[in-house]
Amino acid sequence: MADVSYTMRAPPLPALCAGYFLFYVLTGVSVKYFQGDKTLGYPGLQEGTFLVYSTLGGSALCLAICLVLGWFRLGSGQRIRVLGVSVPAEVAALGPSGLCAAVIIPATTLLYSLPISVMVAMVMMRGSIIIVSRAVDSVLILQGLRKATVRWEENVAVVFALGALAIPLMESAELQLSGAALAIFLCYVGAYAVRLYLMNRFKLASAGVVLGDSRFYFAGEQAVATVVLLLAAGLVSRGALAGSTGDAMRVAWEAPPSVWPAALAAGGLYGMVAFFSVFIFLQPGRSATFSGLVNRLTSLVAGTVATVCSHFWLGGKAPAVSDWTALGFIGVAVGFLAVAERRK
């Protein structure tokens, strides 16, 4: 497959970070609001019920943006045959990446739905992605697709990120006792690892991946993710998922609560988070480590703000000393990554 130069059409990085920060804060607070105690005047939606609306709202908004702006027409124009059917050449990356996005989207909401603060959930997700980003760069270097030297600061950053992950895992009884919670977290990490690898291969002309425009990548990935999520929703509605979460998800379809339009709109907030996040990761000429650094630093600050807002506005859990310690570990890790990136 011939090499094709990378084309990037997106707002500048500071604007992407500002949008990511704003919608990340709103998303973190909205999850806690809609699942707040009903006796205190909050909607009191079960996590499965809110998950349906947040996922549907986010996916619908992303697809609407892509359709209105015509991003589905921005492919490379090259086509390949899959099972005898002619499809855009980008589908080799977009299919698996969209499948991973279909895992990440509900997993993110579920992690924020756990009885832990937004800050703890944020530290777990951000710490894991720092580690994953570093691993992705190592794989690309070993494959000869990226020419870069691994600096010792990056390895130190990974050590601090591991320490930040260990603190909530040891402190939270919910995470220790719930196999489901750990399964959600591991699915999130695994899906993000594959997705970041595909995104970074997609950016590298040396990888021989056909690319038209990064906006087409976003549109195609969201389309695949939406199809997968709709199929999953159909299975759940037919009783394929047992337990309290499955029952709560079926309630969303069979007996919608009065606040469902607002919950759907709240899902649009997460859709905007996905929009800004993807384009940060798709910045041309940047390593996975750098993109992860910018993305994680922005969400680090946003998650902290969301936790404080949830505590004072919604009466949520106040950050404990261990939470601030884990946050500090992530801050140190980000600092080492910043030094390594500057010296490169």
C-alpha atoms as a PDB file:
ATOM      1  CA  MET A   1       0.000   0.000   0.000  1.00  0.00           C
ATOM      2  CA  ALA A   2       1.521   3.333  -1.003  1.00  0.00           C
ATOM      3  CA  ASP A   3       2.571   5.913   1.513  1.00  0.00           C
ATOM      4  CA  VAL A   4       0.301   8.938   1.774  1.00  0.00           C
ATOM      5  CA  SER A   5       1.198  12.182   3.544  1.00  0.00           C
ATOM      6  CA  TYR A   6      -0.755  13.116   6.634  1.00  0.00           C
ATOM      7  CA  THR A   7      -3.356  15.864   6.429  1.00  0.00           C
ATOM      8  CA  MET A   8      -4.554  17.621   9.566  1.00  0.00           C
ATOM      9  CA  ARG A   9      -7.502  19.967   9.578  1.00  0.00           C
ATOM     10  CA  ALA A  10      -8.338  20.865  13.183  1.00  0.00           C
ATOM     11  CA  PRO A  11      -8.301  23.799  15.610  1.00  0.00           C
ATOM     12  CA  PRO A  12      -4.917  24.651  17.169  1.00  0.00           C
ATOM     13  CA  LEU A  13      -3.809  22.643  20.192  1.00  0.00           C
ATOM     14  CA  PRO A  14      -4.606  25.336  22.840  1.00  0.00           C
ATOM     15  CA  ALA A  15      -8.186  25.575  21.562  1.00  0.00           C
ATOM     16  CA  LEU A  16      -8.545  21.791  21.656  1.00  0.00           C
ATOM     17  CA  CYS A  17      -7.255  21.695  25.229  1.00  0.00           C
ATOM     18  CA  ALA A  18      -9.631  24.485  26.310  1.00  0.00           C
ATOM     19  CA  GLY A  19     -12.629  22.666  24.845  1.00  0.00           C
ATOM     20  CA  TYR A  20     -11.516  19.365  26.323  1.00  0.00           C
ATOM     21  CA  PHE A  21     -11.147  20.923  29.780  1.00  0.00           C
ATOM     22  CA  LEU A  22     -14.564  22.599  29.727  1.00  0.00           C
ATOM     23  CA  PHE A  23     -16.556  19.570  28.595  1.00  0.00           C
ATOM     24  CA  TYR A  24     -14.578  17.199  30.804  1.00  0.00           C
ATOM     25  CA  VAL A  25     -15.558  19.179  33.892  1.00  0.00           C
ATOM     26  CA  LEU A  26     -19.205  19.293  32.812  1.00  0.00           C
ATOM     27  CA  THR A  27     -19.211  15.560  32.070  1.00  0.00           C
ATOM     28  CA  GLY A  28     -17.708  14.598  35.424  1.00  0.00           C
ATOM     29  CA  VAL A  29     -20.204  16.712  37.361  1.00  0.00           C
ATOM     30  CA  SER A  30     -23.214  15.619  35.290  1.00  0.00           C
ATOM     31  CA  VAL A  31     -22.591  11.917  35.960  1.00  0.00           C
ATOM     32  CA  LYS A  32     -22.649  12.495  39.713  1.00  0.00           C
ATOM     33  CA  TYR A  33     -25.694  14.791  39.409  1.00  0.00           C
ATOM     34  CA  PHE A  34     -27.930  12.399  37.479  1.00  0.00           C
ATOM     35  CA  GLN A  35     -27.014   9.510  39.764  1.00  0.00           C
ATOM     36  CA  GLY A  36     -27.350  11.581  42.935  1.00  0.00           C
ATOM     37  CA  ASP A  37     -29.586  10.522  45.829  1.00  0.00           C
ATOM     38  CA  LYS A  38     -33.245  10.947  44.839  1.00  0.00           C
ATOM     39  CA  THR A  39     -34.247  11.758  48.435  1.00  0.00           C
ATOM     40  CA  LEU A  40     -32.004  14.836  48.186  1.00  0.00           C
ATOM     41  CA  GLY A  41     -33.737  16.110  45.065  1.00  0.00           C
ATOM     42  CA  TYR A  42     -31.426  14.653  42.418  1.00  0.00           C
ATOM     43  CA  PRO A  43     -32.667  12.462  39.524  1.00  0.00           C
ATOM     44  CA  GLY A  44     -31.385   9.272  41.177  1.00  0.00           C
ATOM     45  CA  LEU A  45     -30.878   7.359  37.927  1.00  0.00           C
ATOM     46  CA  GLN A  46     -29.268   3.951  38.192  1.00  0.00           C
ATOM     47  CA  GLU A  47     -25.885   3.709  36.495  1.00  0.00           C
ATOM     48  CA  GLY A  48     -27.208   1.413  33.754  1.00  0.00           C
ATOM     49  CA  THR A  49     -30.118   3.724  32.975  1.00  0.00           C
ATOM     50  CA  PHE A  50     -27.945   6.815  32.765  1.00  0.00           C
ATOM     51  CA  LEU A  51     -25.391   4.882  30.696  1.00  0.00           C
ATOM     52  CA  VAL A  52     -27.952   4.318  27.941  1.00  0.00           C
ATOM     53  CA  TYR A  53     -28.815   8.011  27.626  1.00  0.00           C
ATOM     54  CA  SER A  54     -25.259   9.307  27.982  1.00  0.00           C
ATOM     55  CA  THR A  55     -23.963   6.891  25.346  1.00  0.00           C
ATOM     56  CA  LEU A  56     -26.826   7.586  22.950  1.00  0.00           C
ATOM     57  CA  GLY A  57     -26.546  11.356  23.381  1.00  0.00           C
ATOM     58  CA  GLY A  58     -22.780  11.420  22.899  1.00  0.00           C
ATOM     59  CA  SER A  59     -22.789   9.187  19.827  1.00  0.00           C
ATOM     60  CA  ALA A  60     -25.692  11.070  18.222  1.00  0.00           C
ATOM     61  CA  LEU A  61     -23.964  14.434  18.664  1.00  0.00           C
ATOM     62  CA  CYS A  62     -20.660  13.212  17.209  1.00  0.00           C
ATOM     63  CA  LEU A  63     -22.379  11.692  14.180  1.00  0.00           C
ATOM     64  CA  ALA A  64     -24.475  14.825  13.669  1.00  0.00           C
ATOM     65  CA  ILE A  65     -21.333  16.993  13.590  1.00  0.00           C
ATOM     66  CA  CYS A  66     -19.692  14.668  11.063  1.00  0.00           C
ATOM     67  CA  LEU A  67     -22.756  14.596   8.827  1.00  0.00           C
ATOM     68  CA  VAL A  68     -23.449  18.341   8.893  1.00  0.00           C
ATOM     69  CA  LEU A  69     -19.804  19.226   8.174  1.00  0.00           C
ATOM     70  CA  GLY A  70     -19.436  16.564   5.484  1.00  0.00           C
ATOM     71  CA  TRP A  71     -16.518  14.751   7.099  1.00  0.00           C
ATOM     72  CA  PHE A  72     -17.545  11.376   5.671  1.00  0.00           C
ATOM     73  CA  ARG A  73     -16.497  12.673   2.220  1.00  0.00           C
ATOM     74  CA  LEU A  74     -12.904  13.414   3.249  1.00  0.00           C
ATOM     75  CA  GLY A  75     -11.352   9.976   2.812  1.00  0.00           C
ATOM     76  CA  SER A  76      -8.269   9.265   0.708  1.00  0.00           C
ATOM     77  CA  GLY A  77     -10.422   8.003  -2.148  1.00  0.00           C
ATOM     78  CA  GLN A  78      -8.523   4.725  -2.262  1.00  0.00           C
ATOM     79  CA  ARG A  79     -10.498   1.544  -1.810  1.00  0.00           C
ATOM     80  CA  ILE A  80      -9.840  -2.082  -0.951  1.00  0.00           C
ATOM     81  CA  ARG A  81     -11.970  -5.200  -1.190  1.00  0.00           C
ATOM     82  CA  VAL A  82     -13.100  -6.937   1.992  1.00  0.00           C
ATOM     83  CA  LEU A  83     -15.052 -10.168   1.534  1.00  0.00           C
ATOM     84  CA  GLY A  84     -15.697  -9.143  -2.030  1.00  0.00           C
ATOM     85  CA  VAL A  85     -17.062  -5.711  -1.093  1.00  0.00           C
ATOM     86  CA  SER A  86     -15.296  -2.470  -2.067  1.00  0.00           C
ATOM     87  CA  VAL A  87     -14.726  -0.282   1.018  1.00  0.00           C
ATOM     88  CA  PRO A  88     -12.563   2.781   1.831  1.00  0.00           C
ATOM     89  CA  ALA A  89      -8.924   1.800   2.436  1.00  0.00           C
ATOM     90  CA  GLU A  90      -9.055   3.466   5.862  1.00  0.00           C
ATOM     91  CA  VAL A  91     -11.406   0.752   7.116  1.00  0.00           C
ATOM     92  CA  ALA A  92      -8.383  -1.386   8.063  1.00  0.00           C
ATOM     93  CA  ALA A  93      -7.692   1.055  10.895  1.00  0.00           C
ATOM     94  CA  LEU A  94     -11.179   2.475  11.441  1.00  0.00           C
ATOM     95  CA  GLY A  95     -12.902  -0.864  12.035  1.00  0.00           C
ATOM     96  CA  PRO A  96     -10.780  -1.970  15.021  1.00  0.00           C
ATOM     97  CA  SER A  97     -10.457   1.610  16.292  1.00  0.00           C
ATOM     98  CA  GLY A  98     -14.228   2.086  16.227  1.00  0.00           C
ATOM     99  CA  LEU A  99     -14.703  -1.192  18.063  1.00  0.00           C
ATOM    100  CA  CYS A 100     -12.296   0.025  20.755  1.00  0.00           C
ATOM    101  CA  ALA A 101     -14.162   3.348  20.979  1.00  0.00           C
ATOM    102  CA  ALA A 102     -17.390   1.385  21.503  1.00  0.00           C
ATOM    103  CA  VAL A 103     -15.773  -0.144  24.593  1.00  0.00           C
ATOM    104  CA  ILE A 104     -14.207   3.081  25.885  1.00  0.00           C
ATOM    105  CA  ILE A 105     -17.377   5.191  25.652  1.00  0.00           C
ATOM    106  CA  PRO A 106     -19.556   3.198  28.102  1.00  0.00           C
ATOM    107  CA  ALA A 107     -16.554   2.156  30.225  1.00  0.00           C
ATOM    108  CA  THR A 108     -15.714   5.803  30.942  1.00  0.00           C
ATOM    109  CA  THR A 109     -19.240   6.542  32.176  1.00  0.00           C
ATOM    110  CA  LEU A 110     -19.281   3.353  34.263  1.00  0.00           C
ATOM    111  CA  LEU A 111     -15.952   4.231  35.903  1.00  0.00           C
ATOM    112  CA  TYR A 112     -17.321   7.644  36.873  1.00  0.00           C
ATOM    113  CA  SER A 113     -20.445   5.894  38.179  1.00  0.00           C
ATOM    114  CA  LEU A 114     -18.517   3.858  40.757  1.00  0.00           C
ATOM    115  CA  PRO A 115     -18.846   4.990  44.402  1.00  0.00           C
ATOM    116  CA  ILE A 116     -15.520   6.796  44.176  1.00  0.00           C
ATOM    117  CA  SER A 117     -14.781  10.455  43.569  1.00  0.00           C
ATOM    118  CA  VAL A 118     -14.338  11.862  40.080  1.00  0.00           C
ATOM    119  CA  MET A 119     -10.722  12.502  41.048  1.00  0.00           C
ATOM    120  CA  VAL A 120     -10.003   8.844  41.860  1.00  0.00           C
ATOM    121  CA  ALA A 121     -11.645   7.667  38.629  1.00  0.00           C
ATOM    122  CA  MET A 122      -9.703  10.316  36.738  1.00  0.00           C
ATOM    123  CA  VAL A 123      -6.375   9.323  38.337  1.00  0.00           C
ATOM    124  CA  MET A 124      -6.967   5.677  37.418  1.00  0.00           C
ATOM    125  CA  MET A 125      -7.763   6.487  33.800  1.00  0.00           C
ATOM    126  CA  ARG A 126      -5.055   9.120  33.356  1.00  0.00           C
ATOM    127  CA  GLY A 127      -2.350   7.037  35.009  1.00  0.00           C
ATOM    128  CA  SER A 128      -3.168   4.039  32.846  1.00  0.00           C
ATOM    129  CA  ILE A 129      -3.062   6.068  29.630  1.00  0.00           C
ATOM    130  CA  ILE A 130       0.365   7.527  30.494  1.00  0.00           C
ATOM    131  CA  ILE A 131       1.621   3.956  30.784  1.00  0.00           C
ATOM    132  CA  VAL A 132      -0.175   2.849  27.614  1.00  0.00           C
ATOM    133  CA  SER A 133       1.124   5.833  25.615  1.00  0.00           C
ATOM    134  CA  ARG A 134       4.674   5.004  26.630  1.00  0.00           C
ATOM    135  CA  ALA A 135       4.152   1.368  25.628  1.00  0.00           C
ATOM    136  CA  VAL A 136       2.707   2.376  22.234  1.00  0.00           C
ATOM    137  CA  ASP A 137       5.773   4.495  21.452  1.00  0.00           C
ATOM    138  CA  SER A 138       8.040   1.581  22.397  1.00  0.00           C
ATOM    139  CA  VAL A 139       6.174  -0.766  20.054  1.00  0.00           C
ATOM    140  CA  LEU A 140       6.329   1.741  17.180  1.00  0.00           C
ATOM    141  CA  ILE A 141      10.064   2.219  17.725  1.00  0.00           C
ATOM    142  CA  LEU A 142      10.665  -1.547  17.805  1.00  0.00           C
ATOM    143  CA  GLN A 143       8.732  -1.867  14.552  1.00  0.00           C
ATOM    144  CA  GLY A 144      10.915   0.808  12.986  1.00  0.00           C
ATOM    145  CA  LEU A 145       7.917   3.067  12.386  1.00  0.00           C
ATOM    146  CA  ARG A 146       9.079   5.860  14.673  1.00  0.00           C
ATOM    147  CA  LYS A 147      12.613   7.214  14.924  1.00  0.00           C
ATOM    148  CA  ALA A 148      13.056   8.350  18.490  1.00  0.00           C
ATOM    149  CA  THR A 149      15.209   7.804  21.544  1.00  0.00           C
ATOM    150  CA  VAL A 150      13.528   6.730  24.754  1.00  0.00           C
ATOM    151  CA  ARG A 151      14.685   9.052  27.503  1.00  0.00           C
ATOM    152  CA  TRP A 152      15.054   7.989  31.113  1.00  0.00           C
ATOM    153  CA  GLU A 153      12.529  10.630  32.212  1.00  0.00           C
ATOM    154  CA  GLU A 154       9.789   8.760  30.349  1.00  0.00           C
ATOM    155  CA  ASN A 155      10.520   5.572  32.271  1.00  0.00           C
ATOM    156  CA  VAL A 156      10.480   7.485  35.584  1.00  0.00           C
ATOM    157  CA  ALA A 157       7.101   8.947  34.583  1.00  0.00           C
ATOM    158  CA  VAL A 158       5.747   5.422  34.076  1.00  0.00           C
ATOM    159  CA  VAL A 159       6.928   4.433  37.566  1.00  0.00           C
ATOM    160  CA  PHE A 160       5.079   7.377  39.137  1.00  0.00           C
ATOM    161  CA  ALA A 161       1.981   6.599  37.044  1.00  0.00           C
ATOM    162  CA  LEU A 162       2.052   3.035  38.350  1.00  0.00           C
ATOM    163  CA  GLY A 163       2.294   4.404  41.882  1.00  0.00           C
ATOM    164  CA  ALA A 164      -0.706   6.660  41.249  1.00  0.00           C
ATOM    165  CA  LEU A 165      -2.719   3.653  40.031  1.00  0.00           C
ATOM    166  CA  ALA A 166      -1.725   1.545  43.032  1.00  0.00           C
ATOM    167  CA  ILE A 167      -3.065   4.052  45.582  1.00  0.00           C
ATOM    168  CA  PRO A 168      -6.781   4.007  44.582  1.00  0.00           C
ATOM    169  CA  LEU A 169      -6.623   0.278  43.889  1.00  0.00           C
ATOM    170  CA  MET A 170      -5.400  -0.332  47.447  1.00  0.00           C
ATOM    171  CA  GLU A 171      -7.576   2.315  49.104  1.00  0.00           C
ATOM    172  CA  SER A 172     -10.918   1.624  47.432  1.00  0.00           C
ATOM    173  CA  ALA A 173     -12.837  -1.305  48.904  1.00  0.00           C
ATOM    174  CA  GLU A 174     -15.215  -1.135  45.942  1.00  0.00           C
ATOM    175  CA  LEU A 175     -12.408  -1.788  43.502  1.00  0.00           C
ATOM    176  CA  GLN A 176     -10.920  -4.508  45.675  1.00  0.00           C
ATOM    177  CA  LEU A 177     -14.164  -6.408  46.141  1.00  0.00           C
ATOM    178  CA  SER A 178     -15.886  -5.870  42.812  1.00  0.00           C
ATOM    179  CA  GLY A 179     -14.680  -8.033  39.976  1.00  0.00           C
ATOM    180  CA  ALA A 180     -17.025  -6.094  37.691  1.00  0.00           C
ATOM    181  CA  ALA A 181     -15.319  -2.785  38.551  1.00  0.00           C
ATOM    182  CA  LEU A 182     -11.869  -4.196  37.802  1.00  0.00           C
ATOM    183  CA  ALA A 183     -13.181  -5.782  34.594  1.00  0.00           C
ATOM    184  CA  ILE A 184     -14.505  -2.410  33.420  1.00  0.00           C
ATOM    185  CA  PHE A 185     -11.164  -0.772  34.179  1.00  0.00           C
ATOM    186  CA  LEU A 186      -9.174  -3.475  32.374  1.00  0.00           C
ATOM    187  CA  CYS A 187     -11.474  -3.265  29.338  1.00  0.00           C
ATOM    188  CA  TYR A 188     -10.962   0.517  29.290  1.00  0.00           C
ATOM    189  CA  VAL A 189      -7.160   0.169  29.411  1.00  0.00           C
ATOM    190  CA  GLY A 190      -6.997  -2.624  26.845  1.00  0.00           C
ATOM    191  CA  ALA A 191      -9.267  -0.849  24.369  1.00  0.00           C
ATOM    192  CA  TYR A 192      -7.341   2.412  24.750  1.00  0.00           C
ATOM    193  CA  ALA A 193      -4.019   0.614  24.147  1.00  0.00           C
ATOM    194  CA  VAL A 194      -5.198  -0.799  20.819  1.00  0.00           C
ATOM    195  CA  ARG A 195      -6.894   2.460  19.816  1.00  0.00           C
ATOM    196  CA  LEU A 196      -3.820   4.614  20.508  1.00  0.00           C
ATOM    197  CA  TYR A 197      -1.620   2.215  18.570  1.00  0.00           C
ATOM    198  CA  LEU A 198      -3.952   2.398  15.561  1.00  0.00           C
ATOM    199  CA  MET A 199      -4.184   6.197  15.778  1.00  0.00           C
ATOM    200  CA  ASN A 200      -0.407   6.569  15.827  1.00  0.00           C
ATOM    201  CA  ARG A 201       0.123   4.136  12.954  1.00  0.00           C
ATOM    202  CA  PHE A 202      -2.481   6.147  11.098  1.00  0.00           C
ATOM    203  CA  LYS A 203      -0.459   9.352  11.606  1.00  0.00           C
ATOM    204  CA  LEU A 204       2.795   7.866  10.318  1.00  0.00           C
ATOM    205  CA  ALA A 205       3.265   7.903   6.564  1.00  0.00           C
ATOM    206  CA  SER A 206       6.155   5.462   7.103  1.00  0.00           C
ATOM    207  CA  ALA A 207       3.635   2.905   8.336  1.00  0.00           C
ATOM    208  CA  GLY A 208       2.181   2.713   4.816  1.00  0.00           C
ATOM    209  CA  VAL A 209      -1.356   3.457   6.000  1.00  0.00           C
ATOM    210  CA  VAL A 210      -3.600   5.275   3.562  1.00  0.00           C
ATOM    211  CA  LEU A 211      -4.966   8.508   5.047  1.00  0.00           C
ATOM    212  CA  GLY A 212      -7.141  11.203   3.583  1.00  0.00           C
ATOM    213  CA  ASP A 213      -7.991  13.546   6.452  1.00  0.00           C
ATOM    214  CA  SER A 214      -8.066  13.179  10.233  1.00  0.00           C
ATOM    215  CA  ARG A 215     -11.670  14.400  10.254  1.00  0.00           C
ATOM    216  CA  PHE A 216     -12.588  11.382   8.154  1.00  0.00           C
ATOM    217  CA  TYR A 217     -10.845   9.183  10.732  1.00  0.00           C
ATOM    218  CA  PHE A 218     -12.972  10.690  13.502  1.00  0.00           C
ATOM    219  CA  ALA A 219     -16.168  10.322  11.468  1.00  0.00           C
ATOM    220  CA  GLY A 220     -15.450   6.738  10.475  1.00  0.00           C
ATOM    221  CA  GLU A 221     -14.462   5.698  13.975  1.00  0.00           C
ATOM    222  CA  GLN A 222     -17.621   7.201  15.453  1.00  0.00           C
ATOM    223  CA  ALA A 223     -19.795   5.516  12.819  1.00  0.00           C
ATOM    224  CA  VAL A 224     -18.315   2.084  13.594  1.00  0.00           C
ATOM    225  CA  ALA A 225     -18.617   2.682  17.352  1.00  0.00           C
ATOM    226  CA  THR A 226     -22.262   3.722  17.003  1.00  0.00           C
ATOM    227  CA  VAL A 227     -23.171   0.610  15.006  1.00  0.00           C
ATOM    228  CA  VAL A 228     -21.475  -1.623  17.608  1.00  0.00           C
ATOM    229  CA  LEU A 229     -23.201   0.178  20.484  1.00  0.00           C
ATOM    230  CA  LEU A 230     -26.623  -0.088  18.816  1.00  0.00           C
ATOM    231  CA  LEU A 231     -26.125  -3.808  18.299  1.00  0.00           C
ATOM    232  CA  ALA A 232     -25.113  -4.143  21.941  1.00  0.00           C
ATOM    233  CA  ALA A 233     -28.173  -2.141  23.005  1.00  0.00           C
ATOM    234  CA  GLY A 234     -30.398  -4.462  20.985  1.00  0.00           C
ATOM    235  CA  LEU A 235     -28.939  -7.496  22.729  1.00  0.00           C
ATOM    236  CA  VAL A 236     -29.379  -5.892  26.152  1.00  0.00           C
ATOM    237  CA  SER A 237     -33.001  -4.984  25.403  1.00  0.00           C
ATOM    238  CA  ARG A 238     -33.646  -8.653  24.646  1.00  0.00           C
ATOM    239  CA  GLY A 239     -32.273  -9.756  27.988  1.00  0.00           C
ATOM    240  CA  ALA A 240     -28.738 -10.663  26.887  1.00  0.00           C
ATOM    241  CA  LEU A 241     -27.257  -8.888  29.950  1.00  0.00           C
ATOM    242  CA  ALA A 242     -28.403 -10.204  33.311  1.00  0.00           C
ATOM    243  CA  GLY A 243     -28.118  -8.531  36.692  1.00  0.00           C
ATOM    244  CA  SER A 244     -28.913  -5.088  38.062  1.00  0.00           C
ATOM    245  CA  THR A 245     -27.033  -3.204  35.339  1.00  0.00           C
ATOM    246  CA  GLY A 246     -28.875  -5.029  32.565  1.00  0.00           C
ATOM    247  CA  ASP A 247     -32.213  -4.439  34.303  1.00  0.00           C
ATOM    248  CA  ALA A 248     -31.431  -0.737  34.698  1.00  0.00           C
ATOM    249  CA  MET A 249     -30.491  -0.447  31.023  1.00  0.00           C
ATOM    250  CA  ARG A 250     -33.766  -2.056  29.971  1.00  0.00           C
ATOM    251  CA  VAL A 251     -35.643   0.449  32.150  1.00  0.00           C
ATOM    252  CA  ALA A 252     -34.192   3.227  29.980  1.00  0.00           C
ATOM    253  CA  TRP A 253     -35.952   1.735  26.943  1.00  0.00           C
ATOM    254  CA  GLU A 254     -39.144   0.365  28.482  1.00  0.00           C
ATOM    255  CA  ALA A 255     -39.992   2.949  31.162  1.00  0.00           C
ATOM    256  CA  PRO A 256     -38.014   6.159  30.527  1.00  0.00           C
ATOM    257  CA  PRO A 257     -37.832   8.485  33.548  1.00  0.00           C
ATOM    258  CA  SER A 258     -39.085  12.046  33.174  1.00  0.00           C
ATOM    259  CA  VAL A 259     -35.523  13.406  33.090  1.00  0.00           C
ATOM    260  CA  TRP A 260     -34.461  11.330  30.082  1.00  0.00           C
ATOM    261  CA  PRO A 261     -34.207  14.326  27.680  1.00  0.00           C
ATOM    262  CA  ALA A 262     -31.831  16.073  30.084  1.00  0.00           C
ATOM    263  CA  ALA A 263     -29.805  12.871  30.531  1.00  0.00           C
ATOM    264  CA  LEU A 264     -29.609  12.552  26.758  1.00  0.00           C
ATOM    265  CA  ALA A 265     -28.332  16.125  26.519  1.00  0.00           C
ATOM    266  CA  ALA A 266     -25.758  15.361  29.218  1.00  0.00           C
ATOM    267  CA  GLY A 267     -24.507  12.565  26.990  1.00  0.00           C
ATOM    268  CA  GLY A 268     -23.772  15.215  24.400  1.00  0.00           C
ATOM    269  CA  LEU A 269     -21.239  16.675  26.818  1.00  0.00           C
ATOM    270  CA  TYR A 270     -19.288  13.431  26.725  1.00  0.00           C
ATOM    271  CA  GLY A 271     -19.598  13.444  22.943  1.00  0.00           C
ATOM    272  CA  MET A 272     -17.778  16.771  22.918  1.00  0.00           C
ATOM    273  CA  VAL A 273     -15.104  15.337  25.225  1.00  0.00           C
ATOM    274  CA  ALA A 274     -14.537  12.561  22.675  1.00  0.00           C
ATOM    275  CA  PHE A 275     -14.359  15.133  19.874  1.00  0.00           C
ATOM    276  CA  PHE A 276     -11.603  17.204  21.471  1.00  0.00           C
ATOM    277  CA  SER A 277      -9.753  14.168  22.846  1.00  0.00           C
ATOM    278  CA  VAL A 278      -9.452  12.410  19.486  1.00  0.00           C
ATOM    279  CA  PHE A 279      -8.063  15.473  17.731  1.00  0.00           C
ATOM    280  CA  ILE A 280      -5.493  15.980  20.489  1.00  0.00           C
ATOM    281  CA  PHE A 281      -4.300  12.410  19.935  1.00  0.00           C
ATOM    282  CA  LEU A 282      -4.318  12.908  16.147  1.00  0.00           C
ATOM    283  CA  GLN A 283      -2.065  15.969  16.204  1.00  0.00           C
ATOM    284  CA  PRO A 284       0.445  15.398  13.366  1.00  0.00           C
ATOM    285  CA  GLY A 285       4.145  15.050  14.101  1.00  0.00           C
ATOM    286  CA  ARG A 286       3.566  14.253  17.774  1.00  0.00           C
ATOM    287  CA  SER A 287       4.462  11.048  19.575  1.00  0.00           C
ATOM    288  CA  ALA A 288       1.913   9.024  21.524  1.00  0.00           C
ATOM    289  CA  THR A 289       3.758  10.070  24.677  1.00  0.00           C
ATOM    290  CA  PHE A 290       3.424  13.783  23.863  1.00  0.00           C
ATOM    291  CA  SER A 291      -0.241  13.495  22.901  1.00  0.00           C
ATOM    292  CA  GLY A 292      -0.886  11.505  26.051  1.00  0.00           C
ATOM    293  CA  LEU A 293       0.945  14.157  28.063  1.00  0.00           C
ATOM    294  CA  VAL A 294      -1.212  17.007  26.743  1.00  0.00           C
ATOM    295  CA  ASN A 295      -4.415  14.999  26.989  1.00  0.00           C
ATOM    296  CA  ARG A 296      -3.742  13.717  30.496  1.00  0.00           C
ATOM    297  CA  LEU A 297      -2.537  17.060  31.877  1.00  0.00           C
ATOM    298  CA  THR A 298      -5.684  18.786  30.657  1.00  0.00           C
ATOM    299  CA  SER A 299      -7.983  16.103  32.047  1.00  0.00           C
ATOM    300  CA  LEU A 300      -5.961  16.024  35.280  1.00  0.00           C
ATOM    301  CA  VAL A 301      -6.860  19.632  36.012  1.00  0.00           C
ATOM    302  CA  ALA A 302     -10.429  19.136  34.750  1.00  0.00           C
ATOM    303  CA  GLY A 303     -10.992  16.054  36.897  1.00  0.00           C
ATOM    304  CA  THR A 304      -9.776  17.898  39.976  1.00  0.00           C
ATOM    305  CA  VAL A 305     -12.124  20.798  39.284  1.00  0.00           C
ATOM    306  CA  ALA A 306     -15.030  18.378  38.680  1.00  0.00           C
ATOM    307  CA  THR A 307     -14.351  16.616  41.984  1.00  0.00           C
ATOM    308  CA  VAL A 308     -14.307  19.855  43.954  1.00  0.00           C
ATOM    309  CA  CYS A 309     -17.479  21.067  42.209  1.00  0.00           C
ATOM    310  CA  SER A 310     -19.234  17.738  42.880  1.00  0.00           C
ATOM    311  CA  HIS A 311     -18.277  17.911  46.553  1.00  0.00           C
ATOM    312  CA  PHE A 312     -19.488  21.450  47.212  1.00  0.00           C
ATOM    313  CA  TRP A 313     -22.468  21.463  44.853  1.00  0.00           C
ATOM    314  CA  LEU A 314     -23.739  17.872  45.050  1.00  0.00           C
ATOM    315  CA  GLY A 315     -22.410  16.809  48.430  1.00  0.00           C
ATOM    316  CA  GLY A 316     -20.202  14.160  46.824  1.00  0.00           C
ATOM    317  CA  LYS A 317     -17.155  12.581  48.348  1.00  0.00           C
ATOM    318  CA  ALA A 318     -14.458  15.032  49.336  1.00  0.00           C
ATOM    319  CA  PRO A 319     -10.990  14.158  48.054  1.00  0.00           C
ATOM    320  CA  ALA A 320      -9.084  12.216  50.718  1.00  0.00           C
ATOM    321  CA  VAL A 321      -5.386  12.593  51.472  1.00  0.00           C
ATOM    322  CA  SER A 322      -4.707   9.454  49.430  1.00  0.00           C
ATOM    323  CA  ASP A 323      -6.592  10.987  46.486  1.00  0.00           C
ATOM    324  CA  TRP A 324      -4.414  14.087  46.576  1.00  0.00           C
ATOM    325  CA  THR A 325      -1.336  11.871  46.896  1.00  0.00           C
ATOM    326  CA  ALA A 326      -2.293   9.902  43.792  1.00  0.00           C
ATOM    327  CA  LEU A 327      -2.964  13.167  41.986  1.00  0.00           C
ATOM    328  CA  GLY A 328       0.481  14.379  43.013  1.00  0.00           C
ATOM    329  CA  PHE A 329       2.056  11.214  41.588  1.00  0.00           C
ATOM    330  CA  ILE A 330       0.340  11.863  38.256  1.00  0.00           C
ATOM    331  CA  GLY A 331       1.551  15.472  38.367  1.00  0.00           C
ATOM    332  CA  VAL A 332       5.132  14.297  38.883  1.00  0.00           C
ATOM    333  CA  ALA A 333       4.766  11.802  36.035  1.00  0.00           C
ATOM    334  CA  VAL A 334       3.483  14.539  33.724  1.00  0.00           C
ATOM    335  CA  GLY A 335       6.406  16.747  34.776  1.00  0.00           C
ATOM    336  CA  PHE A 336       8.958  14.100  33.799  1.00  0.00           C
ATOM    337  CA  LEU A 337       7.190  13.561  30.463  1.00  0.00           C
ATOM    338  CA  ALA A 338       7.290  17.294  29.796  1.00  0.00           C
ATOM    339  CA  VAL A 339      11.054  17.377  30.453  1.00  0.00           C
ATOM    340  CA  ALA A 340      11.644  14.389  28.185  1.00  0.00           C
ATOM    341  CA  GLU A 341       9.568  15.911  25.395  1.00  0.00           C
ATOM    342  CA  ARG A 342      11.351  19.261  25.637  1.00  0.00           C
ATOM    343  CA  ARG A 343      14.798  17.619  25.477  1.00  0.00           C
ATOM    344  CA  LYS A 344      13.778  15.678  22.394  1.00  0.00           C
END
